[in-house]
Amino acid sequence: MNTIIDHQPLLTPHVLVQEFPNSPDAEKTVALARHVVDRIMRGLDDRLLVIVGPCSIHDPKAALEYANLLQEAQKVYRQEIFIVMRVYFEKPRTTMGWKGLIRDPFLDESYDINNGLRIARKLLLDLNTLGVPTATEFLDTIIPHYLQDLITWSAIGARTSSSQLHRELASGLAMPVGFKNTTDGNIKIAIDAVNVAAHSHHFISINQHGTPSIVRTPGNRSCHIILRGSQTGPNFEEKNILDAAELLKKQQLVAKLMVDCSHGNSSNGYQHQRKVAETLALQIQNGSEIIFGVMLESNLVAGKQTLQPGIPLNYGQSITDECISWIETNAILKLFSESIKLRRKQIS
């Protein structure tokens, strides 16, 4: 018995790129930012990589306003930190809820995915043309065909780091990729994912014209792990960082990693992100070179709001995870900038 209710045509990646072609300015932003991120990962650039922005994008206007603030901050702190804006369009769900701008762009359960893809690509194009590099999480393995030329860095989340499909996907992405430890705190799974993604793979996907295809990838050696805490507790303290570094060394990987200040490390409370950031900044200023990057969930307005039919939303406030405000974000960026300055003094 057929259990599918309906089929609707999906526009192809080629059609979407024709509608919103990459621009010379955007191409330059992406190419330069990918190069910088890779160098920071490898310890060839001593700046700190900061992935910062809303938990998820639901309002492109607010996202652009946030990006302008981020661009100004980058001018101030560019000697010590390199900022990439978190621009997440897909939301993994443990149970139910809004699944992101691509799935439901109009927040009304109309699931106009074709327009969701258009809005997402247009926003990425605007941000990169502005000179703001972008980061995202790839959840659906088809989505990268539509957007990856406009993404500097991507994440494979805690629920999908163990997925063979996502490891194979990462092996073909032309950008640095971070694998998060699983929700139960397992770091080895993320390390295994880095090793798997470094190799060539063959898998079934689509090409730019939407035709089912056998894809062969070259392998991606620009991958790393992300410590994001777990259901049972955080993993951002110095001992956690050193233990993870030892596991990386045992697998003959570079002992460098990223730490997420939100999620399990903040007990999913936005007011705790500052504490995590302070702990990491202290480790950095004391000379640690293991932490090459950090993640922050941040928006124009602190906290989060509930998406309810017929009730207007607060401008610039998250409808998914809680976020710190822009004011708090700028203070944390300054904190990280100062920590890099102090580390440089120690090393010199």
C-alpha atoms as a PDB file:
ATOM      1  CA  MET A   1       0.000   0.000   0.000  1.00  0.00           C
ATOM      2  CA  ASN A   2       1.313   3.464  -0.935  1.00  0.00           C
ATOM      3  CA  THR A   3       1.747   5.542   2.230  1.00  0.00           C
ATOM      4  CA  ILE A   4       2.939   8.733   0.468  1.00  0.00           C
ATOM      5  CA  ILE A   5       0.213  11.391   0.520  1.00  0.00           C
ATOM      6  CA  ASP A   6       1.596  13.637  -2.190  1.00  0.00           C
ATOM      7  CA  HIS A   7       4.536  14.390  -4.487  1.00  0.00           C
ATOM      8  CA  GLN A   8       5.524  17.918  -5.516  1.00  0.00           C
ATOM      9  CA  PRO A   9       8.261  18.906  -7.967  1.00  0.00           C
ATOM     10  CA  LEU A  10      11.453  20.207  -6.356  1.00  0.00           C
ATOM     11  CA  LEU A  11      13.479  22.789  -8.253  1.00  0.00           C
ATOM     12  CA  THR A  12      16.942  21.580  -9.199  1.00  0.00           C
ATOM     13  CA  PRO A  13      20.210  23.009  -7.895  1.00  0.00           C
ATOM     14  CA  HIS A  14      21.006  24.246 -11.417  1.00  0.00           C
ATOM     15  CA  VAL A  15      17.757  26.215 -11.612  1.00  0.00           C
ATOM     16  CA  LEU A  16      18.289  27.792  -8.178  1.00  0.00           C
ATOM     17  CA  VAL A  17      21.867  28.805  -9.001  1.00  0.00           C
ATOM     18  CA  GLN A  18      20.653  30.305 -12.287  1.00  0.00           C
ATOM     19  CA  GLU A  19      18.092  32.349 -10.330  1.00  0.00           C
ATOM     20  CA  PHE A  20      20.662  33.462  -7.739  1.00  0.00           C
ATOM     21  CA  PRO A  21      24.117  33.168  -9.334  1.00  0.00           C
ATOM     22  CA  ASN A  22      27.208  33.635  -7.249  1.00  0.00           C
ATOM     23  CA  SER A  23      28.785  37.090  -7.481  1.00  0.00           C
ATOM     24  CA  PRO A  24      32.507  37.944  -7.746  1.00  0.00           C
ATOM     25  CA  ASP A  25      32.405  39.598  -4.304  1.00  0.00           C
ATOM     26  CA  ALA A  26      30.685  36.597  -2.721  1.00  0.00           C
ATOM     27  CA  GLU A  27      33.095  34.148  -4.377  1.00  0.00           C
ATOM     28  CA  LYS A  28      36.023  36.156  -3.027  1.00  0.00           C
ATOM     29  CA  THR A  29      34.568  36.150   0.508  1.00  0.00           C
ATOM     30  CA  VAL A  30      34.068  32.375   0.503  1.00  0.00           C
ATOM     31  CA  ALA A  31      37.447  31.488  -1.019  1.00  0.00           C
ATOM     32  CA  LEU A  32      39.409  33.728   1.340  1.00  0.00           C
ATOM     33  CA  ALA A  33      37.441  32.695   4.436  1.00  0.00           C
ATOM     34  CA  ARG A  34      37.818  28.949   3.729  1.00  0.00           C
ATOM     35  CA  HIS A  35      41.559  29.463   3.342  1.00  0.00           C
ATOM     36  CA  VAL A  36      41.796  31.393   6.629  1.00  0.00           C
ATOM     37  CA  VAL A  37      39.712  28.847   8.560  1.00  0.00           C
ATOM     38  CA  ASP A  38      41.858  25.980   7.281  1.00  0.00           C
ATOM     39  CA  ARG A  39      45.047  27.805   8.304  1.00  0.00           C
ATOM     40  CA  ILE A  40      43.665  28.489  11.798  1.00  0.00           C
ATOM     41  CA  MET A  41      42.740  24.801  12.157  1.00  0.00           C
ATOM     42  CA  ARG A  42      46.283  23.773  11.251  1.00  0.00           C
ATOM     43  CA  GLY A  43      47.950  26.285  13.571  1.00  0.00           C
ATOM     44  CA  LEU A  44      49.349  28.364  10.700  1.00  0.00           C
ATOM     45  CA  ASP A  45      47.302  31.393  11.794  1.00  0.00           C
ATOM     46  CA  ASP A  46      47.201  32.031  15.554  1.00  0.00           C
ATOM     47  CA  ARG A  47      43.866  33.817  15.560  1.00  0.00           C
ATOM     48  CA  LEU A  48      40.788  32.270  17.168  1.00  0.00           C
ATOM     49  CA  LEU A  49      37.967  31.174  14.872  1.00  0.00           C
ATOM     50  CA  VAL A  50      34.570  32.311  16.200  1.00  0.00           C
ATOM     51  CA  ILE A  51      31.387  30.809  14.714  1.00  0.00           C
ATOM     52  CA  VAL A  52      28.667  33.104  16.010  1.00  0.00           C
ATOM     53  CA  GLY A  53      25.065  33.900  15.190  1.00  0.00           C
ATOM     54  CA  PRO A  54      21.440  32.882  15.676  1.00  0.00           C
ATOM     55  CA  CYS A  55      20.525  29.333  16.600  1.00  0.00           C
ATOM     56  CA  SER A  56      18.453  29.378  13.419  1.00  0.00           C
ATOM     57  CA  ILE A  57      17.470  31.932  10.789  1.00  0.00           C
ATOM     58  CA  HIS A  58      13.768  32.700  10.533  1.00  0.00           C
ATOM     59  CA  ASP A  59      13.862  36.391   9.515  1.00  0.00           C
ATOM     60  CA  PRO A  60      16.308  37.391   6.727  1.00  0.00           C
ATOM     61  CA  LYS A  61      15.899  41.095   7.553  1.00  0.00           C
ATOM     62  CA  ALA A  62      17.033  40.582  11.155  1.00  0.00           C
ATOM     63  CA  ALA A  63      19.842  38.308   9.931  1.00  0.00           C
ATOM     64  CA  LEU A  64      21.184  41.085   7.702  1.00  0.00           C
ATOM     65  CA  GLU A  65      20.997  43.588  10.545  1.00  0.00           C
ATOM     66  CA  TYR A  66      22.932  41.167  12.741  1.00  0.00           C
ATOM     67  CA  ALA A  67      25.487  40.636   9.956  1.00  0.00           C
ATOM     68  CA  ASN A  68      26.181  44.360   9.742  1.00  0.00           C
ATOM     69  CA  LEU A  69      26.958  44.418  13.470  1.00  0.00           C
ATOM     70  CA  LEU A  70      29.206  41.394  13.046  1.00  0.00           C
ATOM     71  CA  GLN A  71      31.036  43.067  10.181  1.00  0.00           C
ATOM     72  CA  GLU A  72      31.808  46.086  12.375  1.00  0.00           C
ATOM     73  CA  ALA A  73      33.027  43.803  15.164  1.00  0.00           C
ATOM     74  CA  GLN A  74      35.325  42.002  12.740  1.00  0.00           C
ATOM     75  CA  LYS A  75      36.981  45.311  11.871  1.00  0.00           C
ATOM     76  CA  VAL A  76      37.684  45.916  15.560  1.00  0.00           C
ATOM     77  CA  TYR A  77      38.950  42.435  16.464  1.00  0.00           C
ATOM     78  CA  ARG A  78      40.346  41.195  13.135  1.00  0.00           C
ATOM     79  CA  GLN A  79      43.932  40.950  14.400  1.00  0.00           C
ATOM     80  CA  GLU A  80      42.992  38.404  17.092  1.00  0.00           C
ATOM     81  CA  ILE A  81      39.828  36.604  15.974  1.00  0.00           C
ATOM     82  CA  PHE A  82      38.262  35.558  12.682  1.00  0.00           C
ATOM     83  CA  ILE A  83      34.466  35.718  12.686  1.00  0.00           C
ATOM     84  CA  VAL A  84      32.139  33.525  10.631  1.00  0.00           C
ATOM     85  CA  MET A  85      28.376  34.039  10.954  1.00  0.00           C
ATOM     86  CA  ARG A  86      26.216  31.129  11.988  1.00  0.00           C
ATOM     87  CA  VAL A  87      23.449  30.887   9.333  1.00  0.00           C
ATOM     88  CA  TYR A  88      21.485  27.728  10.111  1.00  0.00           C
ATOM     89  CA  PHE A  89      18.502  26.835   7.902  1.00  0.00           C
ATOM     90  CA  GLU A  90      17.798  23.266   9.072  1.00  0.00           C
ATOM     91  CA  LYS A  91      16.875  22.215  12.589  1.00  0.00           C
ATOM     92  CA  PRO A  92      17.195  18.599  13.768  1.00  0.00           C
ATOM     93  CA  ARG A  93      14.371  17.637  16.093  1.00  0.00           C
ATOM     94  CA  THR A  94      14.351  15.053  18.864  1.00  0.00           C
ATOM     95  CA  THR A  95      10.555  15.124  18.836  1.00  0.00           C
ATOM     96  CA  MET A  96       8.569  17.732  16.857  1.00  0.00           C
ATOM     97  CA  GLY A  97       8.772  21.460  16.103  1.00  0.00           C
ATOM     98  CA  TRP A  98       9.693  23.967  13.414  1.00  0.00           C
ATOM     99  CA  LYS A  99      12.312  22.363  11.167  1.00  0.00           C
ATOM    100  CA  GLY A 100      13.916  25.485   9.799  1.00  0.00           C
ATOM    101  CA  LEU A 101      13.605  28.151   7.140  1.00  0.00           C
ATOM    102  CA  ILE A 102      14.173  25.820   4.191  1.00  0.00           C
ATOM    103  CA  ARG A 103      11.423  23.422   5.261  1.00  0.00           C
ATOM    104  CA  ASP A 104       8.890  26.028   6.437  1.00  0.00           C
ATOM    105  CA  PRO A 105      10.013  29.515   5.353  1.00  0.00           C
ATOM    106  CA  PHE A 106       6.739  31.259   6.150  1.00  0.00           C
ATOM    107  CA  LEU A 107       6.391  29.737   9.655  1.00  0.00           C
ATOM    108  CA  ASP A 108       2.876  28.518   8.883  1.00  0.00           C
ATOM    109  CA  GLU A 109       3.350  24.787   8.173  1.00  0.00           C
ATOM    110  CA  SER A 110       2.886  25.387   4.444  1.00  0.00           C
ATOM    111  CA  TYR A 111       6.253  23.662   3.824  1.00  0.00           C
ATOM    112  CA  ASP A 112       7.034  25.700   0.716  1.00  0.00           C
ATOM    113  CA  ILE A 113      10.481  24.160   0.356  1.00  0.00           C
ATOM    114  CA  ASN A 114      11.150  25.602  -3.097  1.00  0.00           C
ATOM    115  CA  ASN A 115      10.765  29.126  -1.760  1.00  0.00           C
ATOM    116  CA  GLY A 116      12.671  28.149   1.372  1.00  0.00           C
ATOM    117  CA  LEU A 117      15.640  27.251  -0.818  1.00  0.00           C
ATOM    118  CA  ARG A 118      15.300  30.532  -2.712  1.00  0.00           C
ATOM    119  CA  ILE A 119      15.188  32.626   0.482  1.00  0.00           C
ATOM    120  CA  ALA A 120      18.146  30.733   1.954  1.00  0.00           C
ATOM    121  CA  ARG A 121      20.352  31.119  -1.115  1.00  0.00           C
ATOM    122  CA  LYS A 122      19.439  34.787  -1.547  1.00  0.00           C
ATOM    123  CA  LEU A 123      20.390  35.498   2.089  1.00  0.00           C
ATOM    124  CA  LEU A 124      23.709  33.652   1.767  1.00  0.00           C
ATOM    125  CA  LEU A 125      24.470  35.604  -1.386  1.00  0.00           C
ATOM    126  CA  ASP A 126      23.661  38.911   0.337  1.00  0.00           C
ATOM    127  CA  LEU A 127      25.808  38.076   3.365  1.00  0.00           C
ATOM    128  CA  ASN A 128      28.839  36.992   1.349  1.00  0.00           C
ATOM    129  CA  THR A 129      28.547  39.967  -0.987  1.00  0.00           C
ATOM    130  CA  LEU A 130      28.584  42.119   2.157  1.00  0.00           C
ATOM    131  CA  GLY A 131      31.827  40.397   3.116  1.00  0.00           C
ATOM    132  CA  VAL A 132      30.464  38.274   5.981  1.00  0.00           C
ATOM    133  CA  PRO A 133      31.511  34.589   5.742  1.00  0.00           C
ATOM    134  CA  THR A 134      28.817  32.049   6.621  1.00  0.00           C
ATOM    135  CA  ALA A 135      28.557  28.760   8.511  1.00  0.00           C
ATOM    136  CA  THR A 136      25.746  26.241   8.561  1.00  0.00           C
ATOM    137  CA  GLU A 137      24.801  22.710   9.584  1.00  0.00           C
ATOM    138  CA  PHE A 138      24.008  20.304   6.778  1.00  0.00           C
ATOM    139  CA  LEU A 139      21.227  17.982   7.889  1.00  0.00           C
ATOM    140  CA  ASP A 140      19.575  16.887   4.644  1.00  0.00           C
ATOM    141  CA  THR A 141      22.256  15.406   2.393  1.00  0.00           C
ATOM    142  CA  ILE A 142      20.695  16.946  -0.766  1.00  0.00           C
ATOM    143  CA  ILE A 143      20.772  20.577   0.475  1.00  0.00           C
ATOM    144  CA  PRO A 144      24.542  21.144  -0.085  1.00  0.00           C
ATOM    145  CA  HIS A 145      23.997  20.912  -3.850  1.00  0.00           C
ATOM    146  CA  TYR A 146      21.955  24.131  -3.595  1.00  0.00           C
ATOM    147  CA  LEU A 147      24.050  26.154  -1.152  1.00  0.00           C
ATOM    148  CA  GLN A 148      27.598  24.889  -0.607  1.00  0.00           C
ATOM    149  CA  ASP A 149      29.322  27.385  -2.927  1.00  0.00           C
ATOM    150  CA  LEU A 150      28.234  30.135  -0.488  1.00  0.00           C
ATOM    151  CA  ILE A 151      29.299  28.401   2.752  1.00  0.00           C
ATOM    152  CA  THR A 152      32.693  28.845   4.419  1.00  0.00           C
ATOM    153  CA  TRP A 153      32.380  26.234   7.200  1.00  0.00           C
ATOM    154  CA  SER A 154      29.815  23.579   8.020  1.00  0.00           C
ATOM    155  CA  ALA A 155      28.891  21.382  10.948  1.00  0.00           C
ATOM    156  CA  ILE A 156      27.644  17.836  11.207  1.00  0.00           C
ATOM    157  CA  GLY A 157      25.523  17.811  14.338  1.00  0.00           C
ATOM    158  CA  ALA A 158      25.464  15.664  17.450  1.00  0.00           C
ATOM    159  CA  ARG A 159      22.607  13.539  16.107  1.00  0.00           C
ATOM    160  CA  THR A 160      24.303  12.858  12.761  1.00  0.00           C
ATOM    161  CA  SER A 161      28.052  12.562  13.501  1.00  0.00           C
ATOM    162  CA  SER A 162      27.625   8.785  13.631  1.00  0.00           C
ATOM    163  CA  SER A 163      25.738   8.720  10.305  1.00  0.00           C
ATOM    164  CA  GLN A 164      27.641   7.095   7.454  1.00  0.00           C
ATOM    165  CA  LEU A 165      25.689   9.250   4.986  1.00  0.00           C
ATOM    166  CA  HIS A 166      26.863  12.472   6.630  1.00  0.00           C
ATOM    167  CA  ARG A 167      30.458  11.288   6.903  1.00  0.00           C
ATOM    168  CA  GLU A 168      30.428  10.504   3.180  1.00  0.00           C
ATOM    169  CA  LEU A 169      28.796  13.860   2.476  1.00  0.00           C
ATOM    170  CA  ALA A 170      31.560  15.671   4.404  1.00  0.00           C
ATOM    171  CA  SER A 171      34.181  13.839   2.335  1.00  0.00           C
ATOM    172  CA  GLY A 172      32.989  15.751  -0.720  1.00  0.00           C
ATOM    173  CA  LEU A 173      32.419  19.213   0.739  1.00  0.00           C
ATOM    174  CA  ALA A 174      34.866  21.869  -0.443  1.00  0.00           C
ATOM    175  CA  MET A 175      35.054  23.510   2.987  1.00  0.00           C
ATOM    176  CA  PRO A 176      36.201  22.803   6.545  1.00  0.00           C
ATOM    177  CA  VAL A 177      33.721  20.606   8.447  1.00  0.00           C
ATOM    178  CA  GLY A 178      33.259  20.137  12.197  1.00  0.00           C
ATOM    179  CA  PHE A 179      31.790  16.972  13.726  1.00  0.00           C
ATOM    180  CA  LYS A 180      30.133  17.349  17.121  1.00  0.00           C
ATOM    181  CA  ASN A 181      30.399  14.797  19.885  1.00  0.00           C
ATOM    182  CA  THR A 182      27.149  12.877  20.269  1.00  0.00           C
ATOM    183  CA  THR A 183      24.398  13.899  22.693  1.00  0.00           C
ATOM    184  CA  ASP A 184      25.563  11.214  25.143  1.00  0.00           C
ATOM    185  CA  GLY A 185      29.028  12.793  25.170  1.00  0.00           C
ATOM    186  CA  ASN A 186      30.849  10.269  22.969  1.00  0.00           C
ATOM    187  CA  ILE A 187      33.919  12.006  21.493  1.00  0.00           C
ATOM    188  CA  LYS A 188      35.374   8.951  19.740  1.00  0.00           C
ATOM    189  CA  ILE A 189      32.433   8.876  17.321  1.00  0.00           C
ATOM    190  CA  ALA A 190      33.273  12.411  16.198  1.00  0.00           C
ATOM    191  CA  ILE A 191      36.965  11.475  15.856  1.00  0.00           C
ATOM    192  CA  ASP A 192      36.010   8.396  13.808  1.00  0.00           C
ATOM    193  CA  ALA A 193      33.901  10.678  11.596  1.00  0.00           C
ATOM    194  CA  VAL A 194      36.923  12.927  10.924  1.00  0.00           C
ATOM    195  CA  ASN A 195      38.943   9.884   9.844  1.00  0.00           C
ATOM    196  CA  VAL A 196      36.171   8.507   7.629  1.00  0.00           C
ATOM    197  CA  ALA A 197      35.530  11.872   5.955  1.00  0.00           C
ATOM    198  CA  ALA A 198      39.217  12.173   5.046  1.00  0.00           C
ATOM    199  CA  HIS A 199      38.865   9.269   2.599  1.00  0.00           C
ATOM    200  CA  SER A 200      37.271   9.011  -0.839  1.00  0.00           C
ATOM    201  CA  HIS A 201      33.746   7.563  -1.017  1.00  0.00           C
ATOM    202  CA  HIS A 202      31.107   6.530  -3.539  1.00  0.00           C
ATOM    203  CA  PHE A 203      27.436   7.098  -2.731  1.00  0.00           C
ATOM    204  CA  ILE A 204      24.072   7.841  -4.317  1.00  0.00           C
ATOM    205  CA  SER A 205      22.927  11.455  -4.575  1.00  0.00           C
ATOM    206  CA  ILE A 206      21.864  13.907  -7.304  1.00  0.00           C
ATOM    207  CA  ASN A 207      23.757  16.125  -9.715  1.00  0.00           C
ATOM    208  CA  GLN A 208      23.112  19.839 -10.373  1.00  0.00           C
ATOM    209  CA  HIS A 209      20.282  18.948 -12.747  1.00  0.00           C
ATOM    210  CA  GLY A 210      18.538  16.804 -10.144  1.00  0.00           C
ATOM    211  CA  THR A 211      19.381  13.499 -11.817  1.00  0.00           C
ATOM    212  CA  PRO A 212      20.092  10.547  -9.509  1.00  0.00           C
ATOM    213  CA  SER A 213      23.838   9.996  -9.648  1.00  0.00           C
ATOM    214  CA  ILE A 214      26.698   7.970  -8.245  1.00  0.00           C
ATOM    215  CA  VAL A 215      28.937  10.486  -6.507  1.00  0.00           C
ATOM    216  CA  ARG A 216      32.681   9.950  -6.033  1.00  0.00           C
ATOM    217  CA  THR A 217      34.413  12.214  -3.527  1.00  0.00           C
ATOM    218  CA  PRO A 218      38.101  13.061  -3.040  1.00  0.00           C
ATOM    219  CA  GLY A 219      38.045  12.994   0.760  1.00  0.00           C
ATOM    220  CA  ASN A 220      38.139  16.050   3.009  1.00  0.00           C
ATOM    221  CA  ARG A 221      41.218  16.520   5.194  1.00  0.00           C
ATOM    222  CA  SER A 222      39.943  19.807   6.573  1.00  0.00           C
ATOM    223  CA  CYS A 223      37.721  18.268   9.270  1.00  0.00           C
ATOM    224  CA  HIS A 224      37.798  18.545  13.062  1.00  0.00           C
ATOM    225  CA  ILE A 225      35.791  17.736  16.193  1.00  0.00           C
ATOM    226  CA  ILE A 226      33.548  20.022  18.251  1.00  0.00           C
ATOM    227  CA  LEU A 227      33.029  19.565  21.985  1.00  0.00           C
ATOM    228  CA  ARG A 228      29.423  20.553  22.670  1.00  0.00           C
ATOM    229  CA  GLY A 229      28.738  18.942  26.049  1.00  0.00           C
ATOM    230  CA  SER A 230      26.138  16.254  26.534  1.00  0.00           C
ATOM    231  CA  GLN A 231      22.922  15.283  28.268  1.00  0.00           C
ATOM    232  CA  THR A 232      24.945  14.378  31.338  1.00  0.00           C
ATOM    233  CA  GLY A 233      27.184  17.437  31.575  1.00  0.00           C
ATOM    234  CA  PRO A 234      29.645  19.850  29.936  1.00  0.00           C
ATOM    235  CA  ASN A 235      33.055  19.102  28.409  1.00  0.00           C
ATOM    236  CA  PHE A 236      34.687  22.533  28.174  1.00  0.00           C
ATOM    237  CA  GLU A 237      36.944  22.392  31.237  1.00  0.00           C
ATOM    238  CA  GLU A 238      40.710  22.091  30.796  1.00  0.00           C
ATOM    239  CA  LYS A 239      40.736  18.373  31.659  1.00  0.00           C
ATOM    240  CA  ASN A 240      38.102  17.692  28.993  1.00  0.00           C
ATOM    241  CA  ILE A 241      40.126  19.614  26.422  1.00  0.00           C
ATOM    242  CA  LEU A 242      43.369  17.795  27.288  1.00  0.00           C
ATOM    243  CA  ASP A 243      41.669  14.373  27.278  1.00  0.00           C
ATOM    244  CA  ALA A 244      40.155  15.052  23.854  1.00  0.00           C
ATOM    245  CA  ALA A 245      43.539  16.198  22.548  1.00  0.00           C
ATOM    246  CA  GLU A 246      45.098  12.914  23.686  1.00  0.00           C
ATOM    247  CA  LEU A 247      42.410  10.948  21.839  1.00  0.00           C
ATOM    248  CA  LEU A 248      43.131  12.958  18.688  1.00  0.00           C
ATOM    249  CA  LYS A 249      46.867  12.281  18.991  1.00  0.00           C
ATOM    250  CA  LYS A 250      46.235   8.535  19.373  1.00  0.00           C
ATOM    251  CA  GLN A 251      44.402   8.638  16.060  1.00  0.00           C
ATOM    252  CA  GLN A 252      47.346  10.559  14.535  1.00  0.00           C
ATOM    253  CA  LEU A 253      45.220  13.667  14.107  1.00  0.00           C
ATOM    254  CA  VAL A 254      46.199  17.253  14.864  1.00  0.00           C
ATOM    255  CA  ALA A 255      45.410  17.979  18.525  1.00  0.00           C
ATOM    256  CA  LYS A 256      43.209  20.965  17.830  1.00  0.00           C
ATOM    257  CA  LEU A 257      39.473  21.313  18.363  1.00  0.00           C
ATOM    258  CA  MET A 258      36.515  23.655  18.574  1.00  0.00           C
ATOM    259  CA  VAL A 259      34.300  24.161  21.638  1.00  0.00           C
ATOM    260  CA  ASP A 260      30.603  25.035  21.531  1.00  0.00           C
ATOM    261  CA  CYS A 261      29.681  27.464  24.320  1.00  0.00           C
ATOM    262  CA  SER A 262      25.996  26.552  23.982  1.00  0.00           C
ATOM    263  CA  HIS A 263      23.982  23.297  23.994  1.00  0.00           C
ATOM    264  CA  GLY A 264      25.227  20.752  26.553  1.00  0.00           C
ATOM    265  CA  ASN A 265      28.058  23.026  27.644  1.00  0.00           C
ATOM    266  CA  SER A 266      25.615  25.731  28.747  1.00  0.00           C
ATOM    267  CA  SER A 267      22.902  23.311  29.917  1.00  0.00           C
ATOM    268  CA  ASN A 268      20.894  24.903  27.076  1.00  0.00           C
ATOM    269  CA  GLY A 269      20.663  28.150  29.053  1.00  0.00           C
ATOM    270  CA  TYR A 270      21.841  31.266  27.233  1.00  0.00           C
ATOM    271  CA  GLN A 271      22.946  32.967  30.457  1.00  0.00           C
ATOM    272  CA  HIS A 272      25.604  30.242  30.941  1.00  0.00           C
ATOM    273  CA  GLN A 273      27.397  30.835  27.637  1.00  0.00           C
ATOM    274  CA  ARG A 274      29.415  33.651  29.201  1.00  0.00           C
ATOM    275  CA  LYS A 275      30.782  31.287  31.877  1.00  0.00           C
ATOM    276  CA  VAL A 276      31.883  28.798  29.224  1.00  0.00           C
ATOM    277  CA  ALA A 277      33.511  31.582  27.204  1.00  0.00           C
ATOM    278  CA  GLU A 278      35.382  32.874  30.267  1.00  0.00           C
ATOM    279  CA  THR A 279      36.717  29.402  31.043  1.00  0.00           C
ATOM    280  CA  LEU A 280      37.928  28.945  27.451  1.00  0.00           C
ATOM    281  CA  ALA A 281      39.435  32.447  27.331  1.00  0.00           C
ATOM    282  CA  LEU A 282      41.403  31.676  30.509  1.00  0.00           C
ATOM    283  CA  GLN A 283      42.798  28.494  28.966  1.00  0.00           C
ATOM    284  CA  ILE A 284      43.769  30.396  25.823  1.00  0.00           C
ATOM    285  CA  GLN A 285      45.458  33.275  27.635  1.00  0.00           C
ATOM    286  CA  ASN A 286      47.381  30.754  29.734  1.00  0.00           C
ATOM    287  CA  GLY A 287      48.915  29.402  26.540  1.00  0.00           C
ATOM    288  CA  SER A 288      46.594  26.639  25.307  1.00  0.00           C
ATOM    289  CA  GLU A 289      46.809  26.154  21.551  1.00  0.00           C
ATOM    290  CA  ILE A 290      44.430  23.197  21.457  1.00  0.00           C
ATOM    291  CA  ILE A 291      41.309  25.370  21.189  1.00  0.00           C
ATOM    292  CA  PHE A 292      41.394  26.824  17.677  1.00  0.00           C
ATOM    293  CA  GLY A 293      37.712  27.802  17.557  1.00  0.00           C
ATOM    294  CA  VAL A 294      34.565  28.474  19.554  1.00  0.00           C
ATOM    295  CA  MET A 295      30.848  28.610  18.812  1.00  0.00           C
ATOM    296  CA  LEU A 296      28.259  31.007  20.248  1.00  0.00           C
ATOM    297  CA  GLU A 297      24.488  31.136  19.811  1.00  0.00           C
ATOM    298  CA  SER A 298      23.678  34.808  19.581  1.00  0.00           C
ATOM    299  CA  ASN A 299      20.955  37.104  18.268  1.00  0.00           C
ATOM    300  CA  LEU A 300      19.926  40.742  18.398  1.00  0.00           C
ATOM    301  CA  VAL A 301      17.747  40.049  21.456  1.00  0.00           C
ATOM    302  CA  ALA A 302      18.507  37.605  24.285  1.00  0.00           C
ATOM    303  CA  GLY A 303      16.525  34.472  25.079  1.00  0.00           C
ATOM    304  CA  LYS A 304      13.941  32.816  22.868  1.00  0.00           C
ATOM    305  CA  GLN A 305      10.247  33.018  22.066  1.00  0.00           C
ATOM    306  CA  THR A 306       7.598  30.454  21.206  1.00  0.00           C
ATOM    307  CA  LEU A 307       6.264  30.282  17.676  1.00  0.00           C
ATOM    308  CA  GLN A 308       2.469  30.373  17.978  1.00  0.00           C
ATOM    309  CA  PRO A 309      -0.129  30.818  15.207  1.00  0.00           C
ATOM    310  CA  GLY A 310      -1.544  34.345  15.069  1.00  0.00           C
ATOM    311  CA  ILE A 311       0.862  35.831  17.648  1.00  0.00           C
ATOM    312  CA  PRO A 312       3.416  38.359  16.301  1.00  0.00           C
ATOM    313  CA  LEU A 313       7.069  37.551  16.901  1.00  0.00           C
ATOM    314  CA  ASN A 314       9.570  39.766  18.691  1.00  0.00           C
ATOM    315  CA  TYR A 315      12.032  41.140  16.170  1.00  0.00           C
ATOM    316  CA  GLY A 316      15.533  39.706  16.415  1.00  0.00           C
ATOM    317  CA  GLN A 317      14.769  36.985  18.974  1.00  0.00           C
ATOM    318  CA  SER A 318      15.268  33.249  18.459  1.00  0.00           C
ATOM    319  CA  ILE A 319      12.369  30.858  17.926  1.00  0.00           C
ATOM    320  CA  THR A 320      14.543  27.789  18.593  1.00  0.00           C
ATOM    321  CA  ASP A 321      17.422  27.668  21.130  1.00  0.00           C
ATOM    322  CA  GLU A 322      18.050  30.495  23.569  1.00  0.00           C
ATOM    323  CA  CYS A 323      20.628  33.040  22.385  1.00  0.00           C
ATOM    324  CA  ILE A 324      22.711  35.708  24.066  1.00  0.00           C
ATOM    325  CA  SER A 325      22.069  39.330  23.035  1.00  0.00           C
ATOM    326  CA  TRP A 326      24.277  41.317  20.685  1.00  0.00           C
ATOM    327  CA  ILE A 327      25.559  43.416  23.609  1.00  0.00           C
ATOM    328  CA  GLU A 328      26.669  40.269  25.443  1.00  0.00           C
ATOM    329  CA  THR A 329      28.103  38.856  22.227  1.00  0.00           C
ATOM    330  CA  ASN A 330      30.292  41.893  21.628  1.00  0.00           C
ATOM    331  CA  ALA A 331      31.595  41.677  25.200  1.00  0.00           C
ATOM    332  CA  ILE A 332      32.537  38.011  24.669  1.00  0.00           C
ATOM    333  CA  LEU A 333      34.236  38.796  21.344  1.00  0.00           C
ATOM    334  CA  LYS A 334      36.316  41.392  23.175  1.00  0.00           C
ATOM    335  CA  LEU A 335      37.121  38.804  25.874  1.00  0.00           C
ATOM    336  CA  PHE A 336      38.417  36.340  23.275  1.00  0.00           C
ATOM    337  CA  SER A 337      40.366  39.069  21.521  1.00  0.00           C
ATOM    338  CA  GLU A 338      42.118  39.966  24.779  1.00  0.00           C
ATOM    339  CA  SER A 339      42.872  36.299  25.505  1.00  0.00           C
ATOM    340  CA  ILE A 340      44.690  35.943  22.179  1.00  0.00           C
ATOM    341  CA  LYS A 341      46.722  39.080  22.906  1.00  0.00           C
ATOM    342  CA  LEU A 342      47.744  37.660  26.291  1.00  0.00           C
ATOM    343  CA  ARG A 343      48.670  34.279  24.772  1.00  0.00           C
ATOM    344  CA  ARG A 344      50.883  36.019  22.218  1.00  0.00           C
ATOM    345  CA  LYS A 345      52.703  37.852  25.019  1.00  0.00           C
ATOM    346  CA  GLN A 346      53.329  34.544  26.788  1.00  0.00           C
ATOM    347  CA  ILE A 347      54.673  32.862  23.672  1.00  0.00           C
ATOM    348  CA  SER A 348      56.903  35.798  22.755  1.00  0.00           C
END
